Amino acid sequence: MKIIPAIDLLDGQAVRLQKGDYSKKTIYNHDPLDEARNFKNAGFSHIHVVDLNGAKSGQFENLPIIRAMIDELGLSVQTGGGVRKREDIELLIENGISGVICSSMAVKNSEEWLKAIKAYPDKMILGLDLKDGKMAYGGWLETSDAPIELFLQPMINAGLRTVLSTDIARDGMLNGPNIEMYQLLQQSFPNLNWIASGGVSSLKDLTDLKNQDLYGVVVGKAYYEGNIQLSEMAQLSEK
């Protein structure tokens, strides 16, 4: 299981939100590039970056910061926030993004999303965010009643390989990940690469997730609050 350190960008700062609530933010570093450098120095080559401004506005307001992480630090970056159309995906890929995470586009512009999967199967990551058992999108401000199976199958047929799934109720709360949810997703769709996100609070949580044979896990607040050390994360992570 790959452990992927996270940086959430809001107004040019590294922050964390509680349950996706923009009014409940904590600033952890005024210099996100410095934070990314910490990850690189700990031995991580791939990180998870979310443009929270972009998730609301649809504009890649923090792209220059992400470009600096790639160009200056040599990091591989998977990113989401603000991806609405095919041109957005191509812009991010042109700027060196290794994995483009889409949530809203998969719901609101599914035809273009499926075309993007076919064109860039190695770079497309579905952001499957769950809120009270329903799929959430648009910065977690909207939900869909569509069954997950019906939602995923056309994407799998198009070549989708990787899904990042977040339990919004646990995101930023440090109360443990939803192991049962990830276990069910992994068992139901064993051919997909599942990346867990939300709720990780301890090294034990990471071990429990690793035992589910997940592809990866995103770690944010647990690191920023000092619950898990970067050295511990690096040691447990698959190289």
C-alpha atoms as a PDB file:
ATOM      1  CA  MET A   1       0.000   0.000   0.000  1.00  0.00           C
ATOM      2  CA  LYS A   2       1.323   3.394  -0.996  1.00  0.00           C
ATOM      3  CA  ILE A   3       1.094   6.124   1.629  1.00  0.00           C
ATOM      4  CA  ILE A   4       0.509   9.492  -0.021  1.00  0.00           C
ATOM      5  CA  PRO A   5       1.068  12.686   2.021  1.00  0.00           C
ATOM      6  CA  ALA A   6      -1.510  15.390   1.383  1.00  0.00           C
ATOM      7  CA  ILE A   7      -1.502  19.141   1.001  1.00  0.00           C
ATOM      8  CA  ASP A   8      -4.776  21.022   0.708  1.00  0.00           C
ATOM      9  CA  LEU A   9      -4.325  24.474  -0.798  1.00  0.00           C
ATOM     10  CA  LEU A  10      -6.594  27.395   0.075  1.00  0.00           C
ATOM     11  CA  ASP A  11      -5.618  30.981  -0.704  1.00  0.00           C
ATOM     12  CA  GLY A  12      -2.026  29.893  -1.238  1.00  0.00           C
ATOM     13  CA  GLN A  13      -1.682  28.207   2.154  1.00  0.00           C
ATOM     14  CA  ALA A  14      -1.541  24.597   3.331  1.00  0.00           C
ATOM     15  CA  VAL A  15      -4.743  23.980   5.285  1.00  0.00           C
ATOM     16  CA  ARG A  16      -7.122  21.250   6.414  1.00  0.00           C
ATOM     17  CA  LEU A  17     -10.898  21.431   6.527  1.00  0.00           C
ATOM     18  CA  GLN A  18     -13.296  19.549   8.778  1.00  0.00           C
ATOM     19  CA  LYS A  19     -15.764  17.484   6.729  1.00  0.00           C
ATOM     20  CA  GLY A  20     -15.136  19.722   3.728  1.00  0.00           C
ATOM     21  CA  ASP A  21     -16.451  22.800   5.530  1.00  0.00           C
ATOM     22  CA  TYR A  22     -14.643  25.885   4.211  1.00  0.00           C
ATOM     23  CA  SER A  23     -15.553  27.804   7.356  1.00  0.00           C
ATOM     24  CA  LYS A  24     -13.735  25.263   9.516  1.00  0.00           C
ATOM     25  CA  LYS A  25     -10.155  25.478   8.323  1.00  0.00           C
ATOM     26  CA  THR A  26      -6.824  25.194  10.084  1.00  0.00           C
ATOM     27  CA  ILE A  27      -3.713  26.726   8.519  1.00  0.00           C
ATOM     28  CA  TYR A  28      -0.709  24.434   8.920  1.00  0.00           C
ATOM     29  CA  ASN A  29       1.849  26.159   6.751  1.00  0.00           C
ATOM     30  CA  HIS A  30       1.843  29.540   5.031  1.00  0.00           C
ATOM     31  CA  ASP A  31       4.367  28.097   2.545  1.00  0.00           C
ATOM     32  CA  PRO A  32       3.010  24.934   0.872  1.00  0.00           C
ATOM     33  CA  LEU A  33       6.238  24.481  -1.078  1.00  0.00           C
ATOM     34  CA  ASP A  34       8.100  24.196   2.235  1.00  0.00           C
ATOM     35  CA  GLU A  35       5.625  21.502   3.297  1.00  0.00           C
ATOM     36  CA  ALA A  36       6.142  19.601   0.067  1.00  0.00           C
ATOM     37  CA  ARG A  37       9.889  19.821   0.643  1.00  0.00           C
ATOM     38  CA  ASN A  38       9.406  18.115   4.020  1.00  0.00           C
ATOM     39  CA  PHE A  39       7.727  15.204   2.248  1.00  0.00           C
ATOM     40  CA  LYS A  40      10.509  14.953  -0.310  1.00  0.00           C
ATOM     41  CA  ASN A  41      13.182  15.001   2.379  1.00  0.00           C
ATOM     42  CA  ALA A  42      11.371  12.175   4.199  1.00  0.00           C
ATOM     43  CA  GLY A  43      11.651  10.005   1.101  1.00  0.00           C
ATOM     44  CA  PHE A  44       8.274  10.528  -0.567  1.00  0.00           C
ATOM     45  CA  SER A  45       8.249  11.041  -4.334  1.00  0.00           C
ATOM     46  CA  HIS A  46       4.473  11.243  -4.865  1.00  0.00           C
ATOM     47  CA  ILE A  47       2.021  13.537  -3.064  1.00  0.00           C
ATOM     48  CA  HIS A  48      -1.677  14.400  -3.080  1.00  0.00           C
ATOM     49  CA  VAL A  49      -2.622  18.053  -3.598  1.00  0.00           C
ATOM     50  CA  VAL A  50      -6.128  19.520  -3.586  1.00  0.00           C
ATOM     51  CA  ASP A  51      -6.896  23.021  -4.874  1.00  0.00           C
ATOM     52  CA  LEU A  52      -9.758  23.997  -2.572  1.00  0.00           C
ATOM     53  CA  ASN A  53     -10.156  27.352  -4.305  1.00  0.00           C
ATOM     54  CA  GLY A  54     -10.489  25.525  -7.600  1.00  0.00           C
ATOM     55  CA  ALA A  55     -13.079  23.140  -6.195  1.00  0.00           C
ATOM     56  CA  LYS A  56     -15.354  26.136  -5.667  1.00  0.00           C
ATOM     57  CA  SER A  57     -14.460  28.430  -8.542  1.00  0.00           C
ATOM     58  CA  GLY A  58     -13.527  25.979 -11.295  1.00  0.00           C
ATOM     59  CA  GLN A  59     -10.292  27.910 -11.806  1.00  0.00           C
ATOM     60  CA  PHE A  60      -6.845  26.458 -11.034  1.00  0.00           C
ATOM     61  CA  GLU A  61      -5.872  29.290  -8.743  1.00  0.00           C
ATOM     62  CA  ASN A  62      -3.091  27.359  -7.018  1.00  0.00           C
ATOM     63  CA  LEU A  63      -1.574  25.779 -10.129  1.00  0.00           C
ATOM     64  CA  PRO A  64       1.635  27.872  -9.919  1.00  0.00           C
ATOM     65  CA  ILE A  65       2.315  26.398  -6.470  1.00  0.00           C
ATOM     66  CA  ILE A  66       1.709  22.871  -7.744  1.00  0.00           C
ATOM     67  CA  ARG A  67       3.995  23.527 -10.722  1.00  0.00           C
ATOM     68  CA  ALA A  68       6.740  24.587  -8.313  1.00  0.00           C
ATOM     69  CA  MET A  69       6.354  21.298  -6.412  1.00  0.00           C
ATOM     70  CA  ILE A  70       6.883  19.437  -9.681  1.00  0.00           C
ATOM     71  CA  ASP A  71       9.537  21.621 -11.309  1.00  0.00           C
ATOM     72  CA  GLU A  72      11.585  22.709  -8.298  1.00  0.00           C
ATOM     73  CA  LEU A  73      11.264  19.643  -6.083  1.00  0.00           C
ATOM     74  CA  GLY A  74      10.847  16.913  -8.702  1.00  0.00           C
ATOM     75  CA  LEU A  75       7.759  15.494  -7.022  1.00  0.00           C
ATOM     76  CA  SER A  76       5.014  13.501  -8.714  1.00  0.00           C
ATOM     77  CA  VAL A  77       1.644  15.099  -7.945  1.00  0.00           C
ATOM     78  CA  GLN A  78      -1.912  13.840  -8.144  1.00  0.00           C
ATOM     79  CA  THR A  79      -4.338  16.714  -7.876  1.00  0.00           C
ATOM     80  CA  GLY A  80      -8.004  17.646  -7.951  1.00  0.00           C
ATOM     81  CA  GLY A  81     -10.227  20.655  -7.472  1.00  0.00           C
ATOM     82  CA  GLY A  82     -11.776  22.641 -10.309  1.00  0.00           C
ATOM     83  CA  VAL A  83     -11.725  19.954 -13.013  1.00  0.00           C
ATOM     84  CA  ARG A  84     -14.910  20.507 -15.000  1.00  0.00           C
ATOM     85  CA  LYS A  85     -14.119  19.705 -18.640  1.00  0.00           C
ATOM     86  CA  ARG A  86     -11.709  17.890 -20.952  1.00  0.00           C
ATOM     87  CA  GLU A  87      -9.675  21.053 -21.509  1.00  0.00           C
ATOM     88  CA  ASP A  88      -9.053  21.266 -17.756  1.00  0.00           C
ATOM     89  CA  ILE A  89      -7.638  17.747 -17.743  1.00  0.00           C
ATOM     90  CA  GLU A  90      -5.383  18.456 -20.699  1.00  0.00           C
ATOM     91  CA  LEU A  91      -4.157  21.681 -19.078  1.00  0.00           C
ATOM     92  CA  LEU A  92      -3.169  19.847 -15.903  1.00  0.00           C
ATOM     93  CA  ILE A  93      -1.438  17.065 -17.815  1.00  0.00           C
ATOM     94  CA  GLU A  94       0.447  19.663 -19.867  1.00  0.00           C
ATOM     95  CA  ASN A  95       1.603  21.187 -16.571  1.00  0.00           C
ATOM     96  CA  GLY A  96       3.099  17.904 -15.429  1.00  0.00           C
ATOM     97  CA  ILE A  97       0.351  16.498 -13.217  1.00  0.00           C
ATOM     98  CA  SER A  98       0.726  12.712 -12.968  1.00  0.00           C
ATOM     99  CA  GLY A  99      -2.813  11.998 -11.756  1.00  0.00           C
ATOM    100  CA  VAL A 100      -5.926  14.104 -12.350  1.00  0.00           C
ATOM    101  CA  ILE A 101      -8.683  13.578  -9.786  1.00  0.00           C
ATOM    102  CA  CYS A 102     -12.220  14.205 -11.036  1.00  0.00           C
ATOM    103  CA  SER A 103     -15.414  14.136  -9.006  1.00  0.00           C
ATOM    104  CA  SER A 104     -17.884  16.727 -10.311  1.00  0.00           C
ATOM    105  CA  MET A 105     -16.986  16.154 -13.951  1.00  0.00           C
ATOM    106  CA  ALA A 106     -17.739  12.437 -13.655  1.00  0.00           C
ATOM    107  CA  VAL A 107     -21.281  13.342 -12.603  1.00  0.00           C
ATOM    108  CA  LYS A 108     -22.025  16.504 -14.559  1.00  0.00           C
ATOM    109  CA  ASN A 109     -20.016  15.894 -17.743  1.00  0.00           C
ATOM    110  CA  SER A 110     -19.833  12.113 -17.872  1.00  0.00           C
ATOM    111  CA  GLU A 111     -19.444  11.858 -21.658  1.00  0.00           C
ATOM    112  CA  GLU A 112     -16.273  13.965 -21.674  1.00  0.00           C
ATOM    113  CA  TRP A 113     -15.033  12.182 -18.553  1.00  0.00           C
ATOM    114  CA  LEU A 114     -15.350   8.787 -20.229  1.00  0.00           C
ATOM    115  CA  LYS A 115     -13.452  10.107 -23.252  1.00  0.00           C
ATOM    116  CA  ALA A 116     -10.706  11.350 -20.940  1.00  0.00           C
ATOM    117  CA  ILE A 117     -10.435   7.928 -19.299  1.00  0.00           C
ATOM    118  CA  LYS A 118     -10.014   6.306 -22.708  1.00  0.00           C
ATOM    119  CA  ALA A 119      -7.381   8.862 -23.701  1.00  0.00           C
ATOM    120  CA  TYR A 120      -5.417   8.900 -20.418  1.00  0.00           C
ATOM    121  CA  PRO A 121      -6.231   5.704 -18.474  1.00  0.00           C
ATOM    122  CA  ASP A 122      -3.035   5.885 -16.419  1.00  0.00           C
ATOM    123  CA  LYS A 123      -3.625   9.481 -15.341  1.00  0.00           C
ATOM    124  CA  MET A 124      -7.345   9.593 -14.566  1.00  0.00           C
ATOM    125  CA  ILE A 125      -8.399   9.144 -10.925  1.00  0.00           C
ATOM    126  CA  LEU A 126     -12.076   9.116 -10.005  1.00  0.00           C
ATOM    127  CA  GLY A 127     -12.784  11.056  -6.820  1.00  0.00           C
ATOM    128  CA  LEU A 128     -15.535   8.970  -5.224  1.00  0.00           C
ATOM    129  CA  ASP A 129     -16.538  11.017  -2.191  1.00  0.00           C
ATOM    130  CA  LEU A 130     -19.223   9.544   0.034  1.00  0.00           C
ATOM    131  CA  LYS A 131     -21.482  11.545   2.332  1.00  0.00           C
ATOM    132  CA  ASP A 132     -24.014   9.583   4.393  1.00  0.00           C
ATOM    133  CA  GLY A 133     -23.712   6.754   1.875  1.00  0.00           C
ATOM    134  CA  LYS A 134     -24.320   9.042  -1.129  1.00  0.00           C
ATOM    135  CA  MET A 135     -21.816  10.242  -3.689  1.00  0.00           C
ATOM    136  CA  ALA A 136     -20.831  13.878  -3.145  1.00  0.00           C
ATOM    137  CA  TYR A 137     -19.236  16.320  -5.589  1.00  0.00           C
ATOM    138  CA  GLY A 138     -18.819  20.023  -6.306  1.00  0.00           C
ATOM    139  CA  GLY A 139     -16.557  20.603  -3.322  1.00  0.00           C
ATOM    140  CA  TRP A 140     -18.784  18.192  -1.354  1.00  0.00           C
ATOM    141  CA  LEU A 141     -21.660  20.671  -1.627  1.00  0.00           C
ATOM    142  CA  GLU A 142     -23.899  18.420  -3.776  1.00  0.00           C
ATOM    143  CA  THR A 143     -24.896  14.748  -3.592  1.00  0.00           C
ATOM    144  CA  SER A 144     -26.164  12.106  -6.039  1.00  0.00           C
ATOM    145  CA  ASP A 145     -28.588   9.226  -5.389  1.00  0.00           C
ATOM    146  CA  ALA A 146     -27.169   7.051  -8.174  1.00  0.00           C
ATOM    147  CA  PRO A 147     -26.053   3.552  -7.044  1.00  0.00           C
ATOM    148  CA  ILE A 148     -22.266   3.219  -6.945  1.00  0.00           C
ATOM    149  CA  GLU A 149     -22.324   0.119  -9.161  1.00  0.00           C
ATOM    150  CA  LEU A 150     -24.226   1.849 -11.972  1.00  0.00           C
ATOM    151  CA  PHE A 151     -21.994   4.886 -11.594  1.00  0.00           C
ATOM    152  CA  LEU A 152     -18.711   2.975 -11.814  1.00  0.00           C
ATOM    153  CA  GLN A 153     -19.399   0.380 -14.496  1.00  0.00           C
ATOM    154  CA  PRO A 154     -19.257   2.662 -17.573  1.00  0.00           C
ATOM    155  CA  MET A 155     -15.965   4.062 -16.281  1.00  0.00           C
ATOM    156  CA  ILE A 156     -14.542   0.592 -15.737  1.00  0.00           C
ATOM    157  CA  ASN A 157     -15.616  -0.310 -19.274  1.00  0.00           C
ATOM    158  CA  ALA A 158     -13.796   2.799 -20.526  1.00  0.00           C
ATOM    159  CA  GLY A 159     -10.592   1.759 -18.750  1.00  0.00           C
ATOM    160  CA  LEU A 160     -10.746   3.411 -15.327  1.00  0.00           C
ATOM    161  CA  ARG A 161      -8.030   1.994 -13.074  1.00  0.00           C
ATOM    162  CA  THR A 162      -7.821   4.154  -9.951  1.00  0.00           C
ATOM    163  CA  VAL A 163     -10.414   5.496  -7.497  1.00  0.00           C
ATOM    164  CA  LEU A 164      -9.766   7.776  -4.545  1.00  0.00           C
ATOM    165  CA  SER A 165     -12.612   7.396  -2.068  1.00  0.00           C
ATOM    166  CA  THR A 166     -13.230   9.739   0.856  1.00  0.00           C
ATOM    167  CA  ASP A 167     -15.717   9.270   3.676  1.00  0.00           C
ATOM    168  CA  ILE A 168     -16.586  12.918   4.218  1.00  0.00           C
ATOM    169  CA  ALA A 169     -18.041  12.278   7.673  1.00  0.00           C
ATOM    170  CA  ARG A 170     -14.561  11.257   8.831  1.00  0.00           C
ATOM    171  CA  ASP A 171     -12.412  13.646   6.843  1.00  0.00           C
ATOM    172  CA  GLY A 172     -10.332  15.855   9.113  1.00  0.00           C
ATOM    173  CA  MET A 173     -11.874  14.368  12.264  1.00  0.00           C
ATOM    174  CA  LEU A 174      -9.078  11.974  13.329  1.00  0.00           C
ATOM    175  CA  ASN A 175     -11.623   9.380  14.464  1.00  0.00           C
ATOM    176  CA  GLY A 176     -10.386   6.490  12.337  1.00  0.00           C
ATOM    177  CA  PRO A 177     -11.067   5.509   8.711  1.00  0.00           C
ATOM    178  CA  ASN A 178     -14.192   3.678   7.614  1.00  0.00           C
ATOM    179  CA  ILE A 179     -12.512   0.270   7.311  1.00  0.00           C
ATOM    180  CA  GLU A 180     -15.790  -1.505   6.536  1.00  0.00           C
ATOM    181  CA  MET A 181     -16.518   0.840   3.632  1.00  0.00           C
ATOM    182  CA  TYR A 182     -13.110   0.324   2.038  1.00  0.00           C
ATOM    183  CA  GLN A 183     -13.289  -3.416   2.625  1.00  0.00           C
ATOM    184  CA  LEU A 184     -16.621  -3.541   0.787  1.00  0.00           C
ATOM    185  CA  LEU A 185     -15.380  -1.363  -2.076  1.00  0.00           C
ATOM    186  CA  GLN A 186     -12.247  -3.476  -2.475  1.00  0.00           C
ATOM    187  CA  GLN A 187     -14.237  -6.709  -2.464  1.00  0.00           C
ATOM    188  CA  SER A 188     -16.900  -5.381  -4.850  1.00  0.00           C
ATOM    189  CA  PHE A 189     -14.411  -3.969  -7.360  1.00  0.00           C
ATOM    190  CA  PRO A 190     -11.147  -5.903  -6.889  1.00  0.00           C
ATOM    191  CA  ASN A 191      -9.708  -4.856 -10.246  1.00  0.00           C
ATOM    192  CA  LEU A 192      -9.658  -1.159  -9.326  1.00  0.00           C
ATOM    193  CA  ASN A 193      -6.823   0.544  -7.477  1.00  0.00           C
ATOM    194  CA  TRP A 194      -8.508   1.926  -4.339  1.00  0.00           C
ATOM    195  CA  ILE A 195      -6.989   4.875  -2.503  1.00  0.00           C
ATOM    196  CA  ALA A 196      -8.506   5.591   0.911  1.00  0.00           C
ATOM    197  CA  SER A 197      -8.838   9.100   2.299  1.00  0.00           C
ATOM    198  CA  GLY A 198     -10.352  10.494   5.468  1.00  0.00           C
ATOM    199  CA  GLY A 199     -10.192   9.704   9.174  1.00  0.00           C
ATOM    200  CA  VAL A 200      -6.678   8.302   9.509  1.00  0.00           C
ATOM    201  CA  SER A 201      -5.550   9.101  13.060  1.00  0.00           C
ATOM    202  CA  SER A 202      -2.736   6.707  13.927  1.00  0.00           C
ATOM    203  CA  LEU A 203      -0.163   4.252  12.661  1.00  0.00           C
ATOM    204  CA  LYS A 204      -2.591   1.457  13.569  1.00  0.00           C
ATOM    205  CA  ASP A 205      -5.153   2.917  11.170  1.00  0.00           C
ATOM    206  CA  LEU A 206      -2.598   2.716   8.378  1.00  0.00           C
ATOM    207  CA  THR A 207      -1.787  -0.884   9.277  1.00  0.00           C
ATOM    208  CA  ASP A 208      -5.491  -1.778   9.332  1.00  0.00           C
ATOM    209  CA  LEU A 209      -5.965  -0.233   5.880  1.00  0.00           C
ATOM    210  CA  LYS A 210      -2.897  -2.012   4.563  1.00  0.00           C
ATOM    211  CA  ASN A 211      -4.438  -5.308   5.683  1.00  0.00           C
ATOM    212  CA  GLN A 212      -7.364  -4.621   3.311  1.00  0.00           C
ATOM    213  CA  ASP A 213      -4.981  -4.831   0.340  1.00  0.00           C
ATOM    214  CA  LEU A 214      -5.772  -1.292  -0.722  1.00  0.00           C
ATOM    215  CA  TYR A 215      -3.628   0.338  -3.370  1.00  0.00           C
ATOM    216  CA  GLY A 216      -2.990   3.453  -1.311  1.00  0.00           C
ATOM    217  CA  VAL A 217      -4.037   5.865   1.421  1.00  0.00           C
ATOM    218  CA  VAL A 218      -3.875   9.640   1.640  1.00  0.00           C
ATOM    219  CA  VAL A 219      -2.638  11.016   4.968  1.00  0.00           C
ATOM    220  CA  GLY A 220      -3.173  14.637   5.938  1.00  0.00           C
ATOM    221  CA  LYS A 221      -4.325  15.852   9.311  1.00  0.00           C
ATOM    222  CA  ALA A 222      -2.893  12.922  11.289  1.00  0.00           C
ATOM    223  CA  TYR A 223       0.543  14.041  10.143  1.00  0.00           C
ATOM    224  CA  TYR A 224      -0.088  17.752  10.618  1.00  0.00           C
ATOM    225  CA  GLU A 225      -1.355  17.199  14.166  1.00  0.00           C
ATOM    226  CA  GLY A 226       1.673  15.085  15.047  1.00  0.00           C
ATOM    227  CA  ASN A 227      -0.208  11.781  15.445  1.00  0.00           C
ATOM    228  CA  ILE A 228       1.994  10.098  12.839  1.00  0.00           C
ATOM    229  CA  GLN A 229       5.590  10.937  11.986  1.00  0.00           C
ATOM    230  CA  LEU A 230       6.770  11.169   8.394  1.00  0.00           C
ATOM    231  CA  SER A 231       9.445   8.593   9.145  1.00  0.00           C
ATOM    232  CA  GLU A 232       6.767   6.119  10.286  1.00  0.00           C
ATOM    233  CA  MET A 233       4.701   6.764   7.193  1.00  0.00           C
ATOM    234  CA  ALA A 234       7.724   6.331   4.916  1.00  0.00           C
ATOM    235  CA  GLN A 235       8.713   3.066   6.577  1.00  0.00           C
ATOM    236  CA  LEU A 236       5.235   1.571   6.166  1.00  0.00           C
ATOM    237  CA  SER A 237       4.708   2.791   2.621  1.00  0.00           C
ATOM    238  CA  GLU A 238       5.292   0.513  -0.346  1.00  0.00           C
ATOM    239  CA  LYS A 239       8.152   1.808  -2.427  1.00  0.00           C
END
